[in-house]
Amino acid sequence: GLGSAAQIIVLLSQREAASTTGARPTRVLANATTARCERPCAARYLPRTLLWACHSLDIHCTASLRSTRAHARSHPRTTMFARVAARVSRACAMNDSLVASGAVDTKLMWQIPRLALALQCSIPPLDAPRFKDFDYAEFVEGAAHAYAVLNEVVYRKQTEDDAELLSKTCTPQIARVLAHTANELHAGDAPMTLEASTLARRSLHACVADVFASERERDLEHTLRGYDDELHALDATEREKRIGDIATELFELRKAREESPSSEEEVVSAEFDVLFESHEKMAIDIAGQSLVVEKKQLSTWRFLSPLDEPEWRVCKIF
C-alpha cells in the first residue's frame, strides 16, 4: 500500500517538474492499485518521497504536512514540493468529502486507494473551476440505478424495448455484449432467470479524465478502445488497416496541435468506475426442476461521458 502511495507521489512530482518545462500530459489515471512509474528519472525522487509519504499520507497528519512544507521551503526544489504538499492537503479534504457524501464506501475502498482516488479528483483536469460543482455522490446514486435496471435486463429474454434501453444507456459495444449475454442465458435446455438482486454496497472506485483538442480526436481514440463497436464488424485484415488509419490520423492531429495550438475549446472525456457488491438469487431450469443458486457478486462498471455536458453511458464491465 505504501509503495503504491509513494508511486502516486512520484507521479505528482513528475507532473510538477513537467509543468515547469511546458510539458502537458493529457491522460490522468485514478486507480491506486494500478498506478506505476517505471521511468528512470523517478529514481532520484524516490527515497525522499518514501520518507515524505510515511509522514503525509495519513488523512489525520496535519502536523506532518506542516513539517513537509517547512522542509520544502529550505529545499532547492521549493516550488515543486510545496505544490505537491498542497495537493495532498486538498486530497485529504476531498477524501473526507467523498466519504461523508456517500460517494465512497469505506467497506469497499480502504484508506490508501481512497486517498489515491481523492488525489486524482483534486488535480487537473478534474479540479478545473467549471467542474467544482460536480456531485460525485449523485453520480454514484445514478450509477446504482443503472446497475439495478440493466442487471434485470440481462437476466430476461430480450424485447424491442430492452434493445432501445440498452442503446440509450450503453455504448454500442456493451449494448451488443449485454444483449448477446441475455439471449445466451435464455437459450438451450437450461434457461437462467434472476429471482432477486439486492445491491448491498456501491462505491466510486476510479476516475479517468482525458483531455482532447477536438471531438474528432476524442472519437478516434474511443474507436480504438472499442466503445463505438466500429472495429467489431470488420475482418482481421480490415481491422488492422482501420487501426493503422486511425493511428496515423491521431498522429497528424496531435502533431498539428503542437505546431499551432488551436483556439477550439478542449474536450474533457471522463471514465468513472463504480464498484458494486450485490447479493443475487438465480433460478436455473434443468429437466423440469428449478435449481436455485445464491451468490455474492463484485463487479466494476465503467461509465463514459463528456464532463462539460454529462450524459453517462456504460462502456465496460469487469
C-alpha atoms as a PDB file:
ATOM      1  CA  GLY A   1       0.000   0.000   0.000  1.00  0.00           C
ATOM      2  CA  LEU A   2       2.735   2.450   0.926  1.00  0.00           C
ATOM      3  CA  GLY A   3       4.630   1.552  -2.232  1.00  0.00           C
ATOM      4  CA  SER A   4       1.607   2.389  -4.396  1.00  0.00           C
ATOM      5  CA  ALA A   5       1.113   5.614  -2.458  1.00  0.00           C
ATOM      6  CA  ALA A   6       4.740   6.575  -2.961  1.00  0.00           C
ATOM      7  CA  GLN A   7       4.393   5.946  -6.696  1.00  0.00           C
ATOM      8  CA  ILE A   8       1.403   8.276  -6.775  1.00  0.00           C
ATOM      9  CA  ILE A   9       3.545  10.978  -5.152  1.00  0.00           C
ATOM     10  CA  VAL A  10       6.353  10.290  -7.640  1.00  0.00           C
ATOM     11  CA  LEU A  11       3.862  10.804 -10.465  1.00  0.00           C
ATOM     12  CA  LEU A  12       2.744  14.079  -8.905  1.00  0.00           C
ATOM     13  CA  SER A  13       6.366  15.203  -8.549  1.00  0.00           C
ATOM     14  CA  GLN A  14       6.991  14.403 -12.199  1.00  0.00           C
ATOM     15  CA  ARG A  15       3.826  16.275 -13.183  1.00  0.00           C
ATOM     16  CA  GLU A  16       5.078  19.363 -11.316  1.00  0.00           C
ATOM     17  CA  ALA A  17       8.509  19.039 -12.895  1.00  0.00           C
ATOM     18  CA  ALA A  18       6.932  18.673 -16.338  1.00  0.00           C
ATOM     19  CA  SER A  19       4.741  21.721 -15.806  1.00  0.00           C
ATOM     20  CA  THR A  20       7.815  23.924 -15.425  1.00  0.00           C
ATOM     21  CA  THR A  21       9.084  22.861 -18.865  1.00  0.00           C
ATOM     22  CA  GLY A  22       5.782  23.249 -20.687  1.00  0.00           C
ATOM     23  CA  ALA A  23       5.057  19.530 -20.987  1.00  0.00           C
ATOM     24  CA  ARG A  24       1.362  18.756 -20.705  1.00  0.00           C
ATOM     25  CA  PRO A  25       0.130  15.235 -20.003  1.00  0.00           C
ATOM     26  CA  THR A  26      -3.282  14.511 -21.470  1.00  0.00           C
ATOM     27  CA  ARG A  27      -4.319  11.407 -19.537  1.00  0.00           C
ATOM     28  CA  VAL A  28      -4.897  11.176 -15.809  1.00  0.00           C
ATOM     29  CA  LEU A  29      -5.373   7.785 -14.140  1.00  0.00           C
ATOM     30  CA  ALA A  30      -7.066   7.340 -10.790  1.00  0.00           C
ATOM     31  CA  ASN A  31      -6.651   3.743  -9.775  1.00  0.00           C
ATOM     32  CA  ALA A  32      -4.392   3.273  -6.790  1.00  0.00           C
ATOM     33  CA  THR A  33      -3.938  -0.438  -7.400  1.00  0.00           C
ATOM     34  CA  THR A  34      -2.549   0.049 -10.917  1.00  0.00           C
ATOM     35  CA  ALA A  35      -0.504   3.233 -10.557  1.00  0.00           C
ATOM     36  CA  ARG A  36       3.056   2.584 -11.723  1.00  0.00           C
ATOM     37  CA  CYS A  37       6.110   4.662 -12.530  1.00  0.00           C
ATOM     38  CA  GLU A  38       8.895   2.854 -14.385  1.00  0.00           C
ATOM     39  CA  ARG A  39      10.843   5.862 -15.665  1.00  0.00           C
ATOM     40  CA  PRO A  40      14.488   6.110 -14.550  1.00  0.00           C
ATOM     41  CA  CYS A  41      14.085   9.814 -13.759  1.00  0.00           C
ATOM     42  CA  ALA A  42      11.756   8.877 -10.884  1.00  0.00           C
ATOM     43  CA  ALA A  43      14.615   7.190  -9.026  1.00  0.00           C
ATOM     44  CA  ARG A  44      16.133  10.460  -7.813  1.00  0.00           C
ATOM     45  CA  TYR A  45      12.792  11.413  -6.156  1.00  0.00           C
ATOM     46  CA  LEU A  46      12.025   8.023  -4.639  1.00  0.00           C
ATOM     47  CA  PRO A  47      13.994   7.973  -1.335  1.00  0.00           C
ATOM     48  CA  ARG A  48      12.771  11.408  -0.239  1.00  0.00           C
ATOM     49  CA  THR A  49       9.279  10.627  -1.489  1.00  0.00           C
ATOM     50  CA  LEU A  50       9.095   7.413   0.519  1.00  0.00           C
ATOM     51  CA  LEU A  51      10.111   9.237   3.685  1.00  0.00           C
ATOM     52  CA  TRP A  52       7.702  12.054   2.926  1.00  0.00           C
ATOM     53  CA  ALA A  53       4.842   9.676   2.159  1.00  0.00           C
ATOM     54  CA  CYS A  54       5.288   7.914   5.508  1.00  0.00           C
ATOM     55  CA  HIS A  55       4.505  11.211   7.266  1.00  0.00           C
ATOM     56  CA  SER A  56       1.918  12.763   4.985  1.00  0.00           C
ATOM     57  CA  LEU A  57      -0.446  10.172   3.552  1.00  0.00           C
ATOM     58  CA  ASP A  58      -2.481   9.652   6.721  1.00  0.00           C
ATOM     59  CA  ILE A  59      -5.510  11.931   6.480  1.00  0.00           C
ATOM     60  CA  HIS A  60      -5.056  12.991  10.128  1.00  0.00           C
ATOM     61  CA  CYS A  61      -1.424  14.104   9.753  1.00  0.00           C
ATOM     62  CA  THR A  62      -1.724  17.882   9.540  1.00  0.00           C
ATOM     63  CA  ALA A  63       1.370  18.321  11.699  1.00  0.00           C
ATOM     64  CA  SER A  64       3.413  16.196   9.331  1.00  0.00           C
ATOM     65  CA  LEU A  65       2.140  18.217   6.374  1.00  0.00           C
ATOM     66  CA  ARG A  66       3.301  21.404   8.072  1.00  0.00           C
ATOM     67  CA  SER A  67       6.698  19.784   8.597  1.00  0.00           C
ATOM     68  CA  THR A  68       6.789  18.815   4.908  1.00  0.00           C
ATOM     69  CA  ARG A  69       6.061  22.388   3.852  1.00  0.00           C
ATOM     70  CA  ALA A  70       8.805  23.668   6.154  1.00  0.00           C
ATOM     71  CA  HIS A  71      11.238  21.202   4.601  1.00  0.00           C
ATOM     72  CA  ALA A  72      10.161  22.336   1.129  1.00  0.00           C
ATOM     73  CA  ARG A  73      10.918  25.972   1.976  1.00  0.00           C
ATOM     74  CA  SER A  74      14.525  25.110   2.793  1.00  0.00           C
ATOM     75  CA  HIS A  75      14.985  22.785  -0.179  1.00  0.00           C
ATOM     76  CA  PRO A  76      16.173  23.760  -3.691  1.00  0.00           C
ATOM     77  CA  ARG A  77      13.005  22.304  -5.206  1.00  0.00           C
ATOM     78  CA  THR A  78      10.832  24.505  -3.008  1.00  0.00           C
ATOM     79  CA  THR A  79       8.079  25.266  -5.507  1.00  0.00           C
ATOM     80  CA  MET A  80       7.610  21.707  -6.718  1.00  0.00           C
ATOM     81  CA  PHE A  81       7.377  20.084  -3.283  1.00  0.00           C
ATOM     82  CA  ALA A  82       5.240  22.886  -1.909  1.00  0.00           C
ATOM     83  CA  ARG A  83       2.758  22.291  -4.723  1.00  0.00           C
ATOM     84  CA  VAL A  84       2.748  18.546  -4.095  1.00  0.00           C
ATOM     85  CA  ALA A  85       2.173  19.135  -0.370  1.00  0.00           C
ATOM     86  CA  ALA A  86      -0.700  21.494  -1.145  1.00  0.00           C
ATOM     87  CA  ARG A  87      -2.272  18.970  -3.480  1.00  0.00           C
ATOM     88  CA  VAL A  88      -2.052  16.196  -0.887  1.00  0.00           C
ATOM     89  CA  SER A  89      -3.676  18.534   1.616  1.00  0.00           C
ATOM     90  CA  ARG A  90      -6.517  19.193  -0.832  1.00  0.00           C
ATOM     91  CA  ALA A  91      -6.785  15.457  -1.495  1.00  0.00           C
ATOM     92  CA  CYS A  92      -7.225  14.790   2.234  1.00  0.00           C
ATOM     93  CA  ALA A  93     -10.151  17.213   2.274  1.00  0.00           C
ATOM     94  CA  MET A  94     -11.552  15.631  -0.895  1.00  0.00           C
ATOM     95  CA  ASN A  95     -11.268  12.180   0.686  1.00  0.00           C
ATOM     96  CA  ASP A  96     -13.308  13.322   3.679  1.00  0.00           C
ATOM     97  CA  SER A  97     -15.885  14.858   1.355  1.00  0.00           C
ATOM     98  CA  LEU A  98     -16.247  11.725  -0.792  1.00  0.00           C
ATOM     99  CA  VAL A  99     -16.747   9.531   2.278  1.00  0.00           C
ATOM    100  CA  ALA A 100     -19.140  11.939   4.014  1.00  0.00           C
ATOM    101  CA  SER A 101     -21.303  12.328   0.892  1.00  0.00           C
ATOM    102  CA  GLY A 102     -21.623   8.562   0.411  1.00  0.00           C
ATOM    103  CA  ALA A 103     -19.810   8.529  -2.928  1.00  0.00           C
ATOM    104  CA  VAL A 104     -17.142   6.255  -1.411  1.00  0.00           C
ATOM    105  CA  ASP A 105     -17.876   3.247   0.802  1.00  0.00           C
ATOM    106  CA  THR A 106     -15.062   2.593   3.261  1.00  0.00           C
ATOM    107  CA  LYS A 107     -16.028  -1.099   3.396  1.00  0.00           C
ATOM    108  CA  LEU A 108     -15.179  -1.454  -0.303  1.00  0.00           C
ATOM    109  CA  MET A 109     -12.311   1.046  -0.518  1.00  0.00           C
ATOM    110  CA  TRP A 110      -9.573   1.039   2.108  1.00  0.00           C
ATOM    111  CA  GLN A 111      -7.566   4.125   3.039  1.00  0.00           C
ATOM    112  CA  ILE A 112      -4.678   4.224   0.527  1.00  0.00           C
ATOM    113  CA  PRO A 113      -6.857   3.620  -2.584  1.00  0.00           C
ATOM    114  CA  ARG A 114      -9.298   6.231  -1.252  1.00  0.00           C
ATOM    115  CA  LEU A 115      -6.507   8.783  -0.945  1.00  0.00           C
ATOM    116  CA  ALA A 116      -5.230   7.968  -4.431  1.00  0.00           C
ATOM    117  CA  LEU A 117      -8.739   8.446  -5.800  1.00  0.00           C
ATOM    118  CA  ALA A 118      -9.075  11.741  -3.929  1.00  0.00           C
ATOM    119  CA  LEU A 119      -5.746  12.887  -5.362  1.00  0.00           C
ATOM    120  CA  GLN A 120      -7.000  12.308  -8.880  1.00  0.00           C
ATOM    121  CA  CYS A 121     -10.236  14.193  -8.170  1.00  0.00           C
ATOM    122  CA  SER A 122      -8.265  17.201  -6.879  1.00  0.00           C
ATOM    123  CA  ILE A 123      -5.718  17.656  -9.695  1.00  0.00           C
ATOM    124  CA  PRO A 124      -6.141  18.750 -13.339  1.00  0.00           C
ATOM    125  CA  PRO A 125      -8.341  18.445 -15.211  1.00  0.00           C
ATOM    126  CA  LEU A 126     -10.900  17.398 -12.575  1.00  0.00           C
ATOM    127  CA  ASP A 127     -10.026  20.328 -10.307  1.00  0.00           C
ATOM    128  CA  ALA A 128     -10.901  22.898 -13.009  1.00  0.00           C
ATOM    129  CA  PRO A 129     -13.297  25.624 -11.800  1.00  0.00           C
ATOM    130  CA  ARG A 130     -16.005  24.512 -14.242  1.00  0.00           C
ATOM    131  CA  PHE A 131     -16.107  21.079 -12.574  1.00  0.00           C
ATOM    132  CA  LYS A 132     -16.096  22.297  -8.958  1.00  0.00           C
ATOM    133  CA  ASP A 133     -19.825  21.694  -8.554  1.00  0.00           C
ATOM    134  CA  PHE A 134     -19.732  18.141  -9.896  1.00  0.00           C
ATOM    135  CA  ASP A 135     -21.680  15.938  -7.467  1.00  0.00           C
ATOM    136  CA  TYR A 136     -19.844  12.613  -7.109  1.00  0.00           C
ATOM    137  CA  ALA A 137     -22.472  11.234  -4.716  1.00  0.00           C
ATOM    138  CA  GLU A 138     -25.263  11.964  -7.202  1.00  0.00           C
ATOM    139  CA  PHE A 139     -23.240  10.286  -9.937  1.00  0.00           C
ATOM    140  CA  VAL A 140     -22.796   7.122  -7.841  1.00  0.00           C
ATOM    141  CA  GLU A 141     -26.514   7.120  -6.991  1.00  0.00           C
ATOM    142  CA  GLY A 142     -27.349   7.278 -10.697  1.00  0.00           C
ATOM    143  CA  ALA A 143     -24.829   4.523 -11.430  1.00  0.00           C
ATOM    144  CA  ALA A 144     -26.509   2.303  -8.811  1.00  0.00           C
ATOM    145  CA  HIS A 145     -29.881   2.844 -10.506  1.00  0.00           C
ATOM    146  CA  ALA A 146     -28.362   1.921 -13.879  1.00  0.00           C
ATOM    147  CA  TYR A 147     -26.886  -1.220 -12.329  1.00  0.00           C
ATOM    148  CA  ALA A 148     -30.247  -2.366 -10.973  1.00  0.00           C
ATOM    149  CA  VAL A 149     -32.095  -1.734 -14.244  1.00  0.00           C
ATOM    150  CA  LEU A 150     -29.513  -3.243 -16.596  1.00  0.00           C
ATOM    151  CA  ASN A 151     -28.925  -6.228 -14.338  1.00  0.00           C
ATOM    152  CA  GLU A 152     -32.590  -7.158 -14.726  1.00  0.00           C
ATOM    153  CA  VAL A 153     -32.406  -6.657 -18.496  1.00  0.00           C
ATOM    154  CA  VAL A 154     -29.545  -9.126 -18.841  1.00  0.00           C
ATOM    155  CA  TYR A 155     -31.424 -11.877 -16.995  1.00  0.00           C
ATOM    156  CA  ARG A 156     -34.614 -11.755 -19.058  1.00  0.00           C
ATOM    157  CA  LYS A 157     -35.470 -12.572 -22.649  1.00  0.00           C
ATOM    158  CA  GLN A 158     -34.765  -9.570 -24.864  1.00  0.00           C
ATOM    159  CA  THR A 159     -37.543  -7.380 -26.251  1.00  0.00           C
ATOM    160  CA  GLU A 160     -37.525  -4.361 -28.565  1.00  0.00           C
ATOM    161  CA  ASP A 161     -37.912  -2.088 -25.540  1.00  0.00           C
ATOM    162  CA  ASP A 162     -34.854  -3.700 -23.937  1.00  0.00           C
ATOM    163  CA  ALA A 163     -32.833  -3.128 -27.096  1.00  0.00           C
ATOM    164  CA  GLU A 164     -33.822   0.550 -27.095  1.00  0.00           C
ATOM    165  CA  LEU A 165     -32.942   0.867 -23.402  1.00  0.00           C
ATOM    166  CA  LEU A 166     -29.501  -0.656 -23.981  1.00  0.00           C
ATOM    167  CA  SER A 167     -28.818   1.690 -26.893  1.00  0.00           C
ATOM    168  CA  LYS A 168     -29.577   4.724 -24.720  1.00  0.00           C
ATOM    169  CA  THR A 169     -27.665   3.679 -21.603  1.00  0.00           C
ATOM    170  CA  CYS A 170     -24.662   1.795 -23.022  1.00  0.00           C
ATOM    171  CA  THR A 171     -22.016   2.316 -25.668  1.00  0.00           C
ATOM    172  CA  PRO A 172     -22.680   0.238 -28.817  1.00  0.00           C
ATOM    173  CA  GLN A 173     -20.077  -2.339 -27.805  1.00  0.00           C
ATOM    174  CA  ILE A 174     -21.564  -3.006 -24.354  1.00  0.00           C
ATOM    175  CA  ALA A 175     -25.134  -2.880 -25.683  1.00  0.00           C
ATOM    176  CA  ARG A 176     -24.267  -5.682 -28.115  1.00  0.00           C
ATOM    177  CA  VAL A 177     -22.481  -7.736 -25.454  1.00  0.00           C
ATOM    178  CA  LEU A 178     -25.316  -7.456 -22.908  1.00  0.00           C
ATOM    179  CA  ALA A 179     -27.973  -8.334 -25.491  1.00  0.00           C
ATOM    180  CA  HIS A 180     -25.953 -11.356 -26.585  1.00  0.00           C
ATOM    181  CA  THR A 181     -25.489 -12.432 -22.947  1.00  0.00           C
ATOM    182  CA  ALA A 182     -29.224 -12.188 -22.290  1.00  0.00           C
ATOM    183  CA  ASN A 183     -30.017 -14.328 -25.318  1.00  0.00           C
ATOM    184  CA  GLU A 184     -27.418 -16.903 -24.278  1.00  0.00           C
ATOM    185  CA  LEU A 185     -28.858 -17.160 -20.767  1.00  0.00           C
ATOM    186  CA  HIS A 186     -32.295 -17.979 -22.174  1.00  0.00           C
ATOM    187  CA  ALA A 187     -31.130 -20.314 -24.930  1.00  0.00           C
ATOM    188  CA  GLY A 188     -30.801 -24.093 -24.714  1.00  0.00           C
ATOM    189  CA  ASP A 189     -32.266 -26.514 -22.198  1.00  0.00           C
ATOM    190  CA  ALA A 190     -31.278 -24.677 -19.015  1.00  0.00           C
ATOM    191  CA  PRO A 191     -32.533 -21.061 -19.098  1.00  0.00           C
ATOM    192  CA  MET A 192     -31.467 -18.840 -16.202  1.00  0.00           C
ATOM    193  CA  THR A 193     -33.643 -16.199 -14.581  1.00  0.00           C
ATOM    194  CA  LEU A 194     -32.923 -13.667 -11.849  1.00  0.00           C
ATOM    195  CA  GLU A 195     -35.134 -14.318  -8.824  1.00  0.00           C
ATOM    196  CA  ALA A 196     -33.836 -11.487  -6.643  1.00  0.00           C
ATOM    197  CA  SER A 197     -30.988  -8.989  -6.558  1.00  0.00           C
ATOM    198  CA  THR A 198     -30.047  -6.785  -3.623  1.00  0.00           C
ATOM    199  CA  LEU A 199     -27.411  -4.093  -4.079  1.00  0.00           C
ATOM    200  CA  ALA A 200     -25.591  -4.172  -0.762  1.00  0.00           C
ATOM    201  CA  ARG A 201     -22.814  -1.633  -1.358  1.00  0.00           C
ATOM    202  CA  ARG A 202     -21.520   0.678  -4.061  1.00  0.00           C
ATOM    203  CA  SER A 203     -18.534   2.966  -4.187  1.00  0.00           C
ATOM    204  CA  LEU A 204     -16.743   5.272  -6.574  1.00  0.00           C
ATOM    205  CA  HIS A 205     -13.620   3.293  -7.386  1.00  0.00           C
ATOM    206  CA  ALA A 206     -11.551   5.077 -10.031  1.00  0.00           C
ATOM    207  CA  CYS A 207     -11.623   8.133 -12.278  1.00  0.00           C
ATOM    208  CA  VAL A 208     -10.014   8.773 -15.647  1.00  0.00           C
ATOM    209  CA  ALA A 209     -10.087  12.157 -17.358  1.00  0.00           C
ATOM    210  CA  ASP A 210      -8.884  12.570 -20.944  1.00  0.00           C
ATOM    211  CA  VAL A 211      -8.272  15.995 -22.423  1.00  0.00           C
ATOM    212  CA  PHE A 212      -8.698  16.097 -26.204  1.00  0.00           C
ATOM    213  CA  ALA A 213      -8.072  19.016 -28.517  1.00  0.00           C
ATOM    214  CA  SER A 214     -11.226  18.288 -30.521  1.00  0.00           C
ATOM    215  CA  GLU A 215     -14.237  15.997 -30.701  1.00  0.00           C
ATOM    216  CA  ARG A 216     -12.660  14.306 -33.717  1.00  0.00           C
ATOM    217  CA  GLU A 217      -9.605  13.322 -31.675  1.00  0.00           C
ATOM    218  CA  ARG A 218     -11.864  12.014 -28.899  1.00  0.00           C
ATOM    219  CA  ASP A 219     -13.994   9.955 -31.297  1.00  0.00           C
ATOM    220  CA  LEU A 220     -10.949   8.355 -32.943  1.00  0.00           C
ATOM    221  CA  GLU A 221      -9.477   7.450 -29.553  1.00  0.00           C
ATOM    222  CA  HIS A 222     -12.767   5.907 -28.442  1.00  0.00           C
ATOM    223  CA  THR A 223     -12.940   3.874 -31.655  1.00  0.00           C
ATOM    224  CA  LEU A 224      -9.539   2.400 -30.826  1.00  0.00           C
ATOM    225  CA  ARG A 225     -10.856   1.463 -27.377  1.00  0.00           C
ATOM    226  CA  GLY A 226     -13.829  -0.278 -29.000  1.00  0.00           C
ATOM    227  CA  TYR A 227     -16.540   1.895 -27.490  1.00  0.00           C
ATOM    228  CA  ASP A 228     -18.393   2.621 -30.753  1.00  0.00           C
ATOM    229  CA  ASP A 229     -18.054  -1.022 -31.915  1.00  0.00           C
ATOM    230  CA  GLU A 230     -16.868   0.076 -35.364  1.00  0.00           C
ATOM    231  CA  LEU A 231     -13.999  -2.440 -35.378  1.00  0.00           C
ATOM    232  CA  HIS A 232     -16.166  -5.412 -34.374  1.00  0.00           C
ATOM    233  CA  ALA A 233     -17.816  -5.837 -37.778  1.00  0.00           C
ATOM    234  CA  LEU A 234     -14.501  -5.832 -39.674  1.00  0.00           C
ATOM    235  CA  ASP A 235     -12.482  -8.918 -40.523  1.00  0.00           C
ATOM    236  CA  ALA A 236      -8.868  -9.199 -39.342  1.00  0.00           C
ATOM    237  CA  THR A 237      -7.346  -7.542 -42.421  1.00  0.00           C
ATOM    238  CA  GLU A 238      -9.829  -4.674 -42.484  1.00  0.00           C
ATOM    239  CA  ARG A 239      -9.483  -4.169 -38.746  1.00  0.00           C
ATOM    240  CA  GLU A 240      -5.707  -3.944 -38.942  1.00  0.00           C
ATOM    241  CA  LYS A 241      -5.938  -1.412 -41.773  1.00  0.00           C
ATOM    242  CA  ARG A 242      -8.546   0.675 -39.943  1.00  0.00           C
ATOM    243  CA  ILE A 243      -6.453   0.744 -36.760  1.00  0.00           C
ATOM    244  CA  GLY A 244      -3.460   1.889 -38.787  1.00  0.00           C
ATOM    245  CA  ASP A 245      -5.503   4.644 -40.446  1.00  0.00           C
ATOM    246  CA  ILE A 246      -6.796   5.866 -37.077  1.00  0.00           C
ATOM    247  CA  ALA A 247      -3.311   5.853 -35.546  1.00  0.00           C
ATOM    248  CA  THR A 248      -1.995   7.882 -38.496  1.00  0.00           C
ATOM    249  CA  GLU A 249      -4.803  10.439 -38.263  1.00  0.00           C
ATOM    250  CA  LEU A 250      -4.344  10.783 -34.496  1.00  0.00           C
ATOM    251  CA  PHE A 251      -0.614  11.348 -35.008  1.00  0.00           C
ATOM    252  CA  GLU A 252      -1.291  14.068 -37.583  1.00  0.00           C
ATOM    253  CA  LEU A 253      -3.894  15.751 -35.374  1.00  0.00           C
ATOM    254  CA  ARG A 254      -1.584  15.845 -32.366  1.00  0.00           C
ATOM    255  CA  LYS A 255       1.381  16.963 -34.424  1.00  0.00           C
ATOM    256  CA  ALA A 256      -0.666  19.834 -35.858  1.00  0.00           C
ATOM    257  CA  ARG A 257      -1.819  20.805 -32.359  1.00  0.00           C
ATOM    258  CA  GLU A 258       1.772  21.009 -31.102  1.00  0.00           C
ATOM    259  CA  GLU A 259       2.904  23.088 -34.071  1.00  0.00           C
ATOM    260  CA  SER A 260      -0.016  25.529 -33.994  1.00  0.00           C
ATOM    261  CA  PRO A 261      -2.311  25.365 -30.946  1.00  0.00           C
ATOM    262  CA  SER A 262      -5.967  25.551 -31.883  1.00  0.00           C
ATOM    263  CA  SER A 263      -8.382  28.110 -30.472  1.00  0.00           C
ATOM    264  CA  GLU A 264     -11.045  25.380 -30.286  1.00  0.00           C
ATOM    265  CA  GLU A 265     -12.146  24.587 -26.729  1.00  0.00           C
ATOM    266  CA  GLU A 266     -10.696  21.390 -25.308  1.00  0.00           C
ATOM    267  CA  VAL A 267     -12.953  18.382 -24.779  1.00  0.00           C
ATOM    268  CA  VAL A 268     -12.770  16.585 -21.427  1.00  0.00           C
ATOM    269  CA  SER A 269     -13.977  12.982 -21.553  1.00  0.00           C
ATOM    270  CA  ALA A 270     -14.465  11.188 -18.248  1.00  0.00           C
ATOM    271  CA  GLU A 271     -14.455   7.496 -17.423  1.00  0.00           C
ATOM    272  CA  PHE A 272     -15.535   6.813 -13.845  1.00  0.00           C
ATOM    273  CA  ASP A 273     -15.514   3.335 -12.309  1.00  0.00           C
ATOM    274  CA  VAL A 274     -18.064   2.264  -9.700  1.00  0.00           C
ATOM    275  CA  LEU A 275     -17.617  -0.914  -7.653  1.00  0.00           C
ATOM    276  CA  PHE A 276     -20.809  -2.815  -6.790  1.00  0.00           C
ATOM    277  CA  GLU A 277     -21.401  -5.578  -4.252  1.00  0.00           C
ATOM    278  CA  SER A 278     -24.704  -7.381  -4.758  1.00  0.00           C
ATOM    279  CA  HIS A 279     -26.438 -10.454  -3.375  1.00  0.00           C
ATOM    280  CA  GLU A 280     -28.227 -12.395  -6.096  1.00  0.00           C
ATOM    281  CA  LYS A 281     -30.562 -15.368  -6.279  1.00  0.00           C
ATOM    282  CA  MET A 282     -30.886 -17.101  -9.651  1.00  0.00           C
ATOM    283  CA  ALA A 283     -33.015 -19.994 -10.826  1.00  0.00           C
ATOM    284  CA  ILE A 284     -31.880 -22.494 -13.462  1.00  0.00           C
ATOM    285  CA  ASP A 285     -34.475 -24.788 -15.038  1.00  0.00           C
ATOM    286  CA  ILE A 286     -32.999 -28.231 -15.675  1.00  0.00           C
ATOM    287  CA  ALA A 287     -35.100 -31.219 -16.785  1.00  0.00           C
ATOM    288  CA  GLY A 288     -38.261 -29.775 -15.310  1.00  0.00           C
ATOM    289  CA  GLN A 289     -36.578 -28.996 -11.998  1.00  0.00           C
ATOM    290  CA  SER A 290     -35.677 -25.491 -10.747  1.00  0.00           C
ATOM    291  CA  LEU A 291     -32.236 -25.151  -9.201  1.00  0.00           C
ATOM    292  CA  VAL A 292     -31.807 -22.022  -7.058  1.00  0.00           C
ATOM    293  CA  VAL A 293     -28.329 -20.517  -6.742  1.00  0.00           C
ATOM    294  CA  GLU A 294     -27.429 -17.686  -4.351  1.00  0.00           C
ATOM    295  CA  LYS A 295     -24.186 -15.745  -4.547  1.00  0.00           C
ATOM    296  CA  LYS A 296     -22.423 -12.508  -3.628  1.00  0.00           C
ATOM    297  CA  GLN A 297     -21.123 -10.718  -6.694  1.00  0.00           C
ATOM    298  CA  LEU A 298     -18.489  -7.985  -7.005  1.00  0.00           C
ATOM    299  CA  SER A 299     -18.321  -6.130 -10.306  1.00  0.00           C
ATOM    300  CA  THR A 300     -16.894  -2.850 -11.562  1.00  0.00           C
ATOM    301  CA  TRP A 301     -18.827  -0.800 -14.105  1.00  0.00           C
ATOM    302  CA  ARG A 302     -17.148   1.962 -16.102  1.00  0.00           C
ATOM    303  CA  PHE A 303     -19.254   4.939 -17.162  1.00  0.00           C
ATOM    304  CA  LEU A 304     -18.260   7.219 -20.038  1.00  0.00           C
ATOM    305  CA  SER A 305     -19.350  10.800 -20.660  1.00  0.00           C
ATOM    306  CA  PRO A 306     -18.218  14.257 -21.770  1.00  0.00           C
ATOM    307  CA  LEU A 307     -17.678  16.069 -18.489  1.00  0.00           C
ATOM    308  CA  ASP A 308     -18.866  19.521 -19.556  1.00  0.00           C
ATOM    309  CA  GLU A 309     -22.309  18.172 -20.520  1.00  0.00           C
ATOM    310  CA  PRO A 310     -22.646  14.806 -18.740  1.00  0.00           C
ATOM    311  CA  GLU A 311     -24.547  12.029 -20.469  1.00  0.00           C
ATOM    312  CA  TRP A 312     -23.264   8.875 -18.824  1.00  0.00           C
ATOM    313  CA  ARG A 313     -23.254   5.508 -20.588  1.00  0.00           C
ATOM    314  CA  VAL A 314     -21.856   2.140 -19.521  1.00  0.00           C
ATOM    315  CA  CYS A 315     -18.721   1.386 -21.571  1.00  0.00           C
ATOM    316  CA  LYS A 316     -17.060  -1.503 -19.684  1.00  0.00           C
ATOM    317  CA  ILE A 317     -18.000  -4.131 -17.121  1.00  0.00           C
ATOM    318  CA  PHE A 318     -15.401  -6.077 -15.114  1.00  0.00           C
END
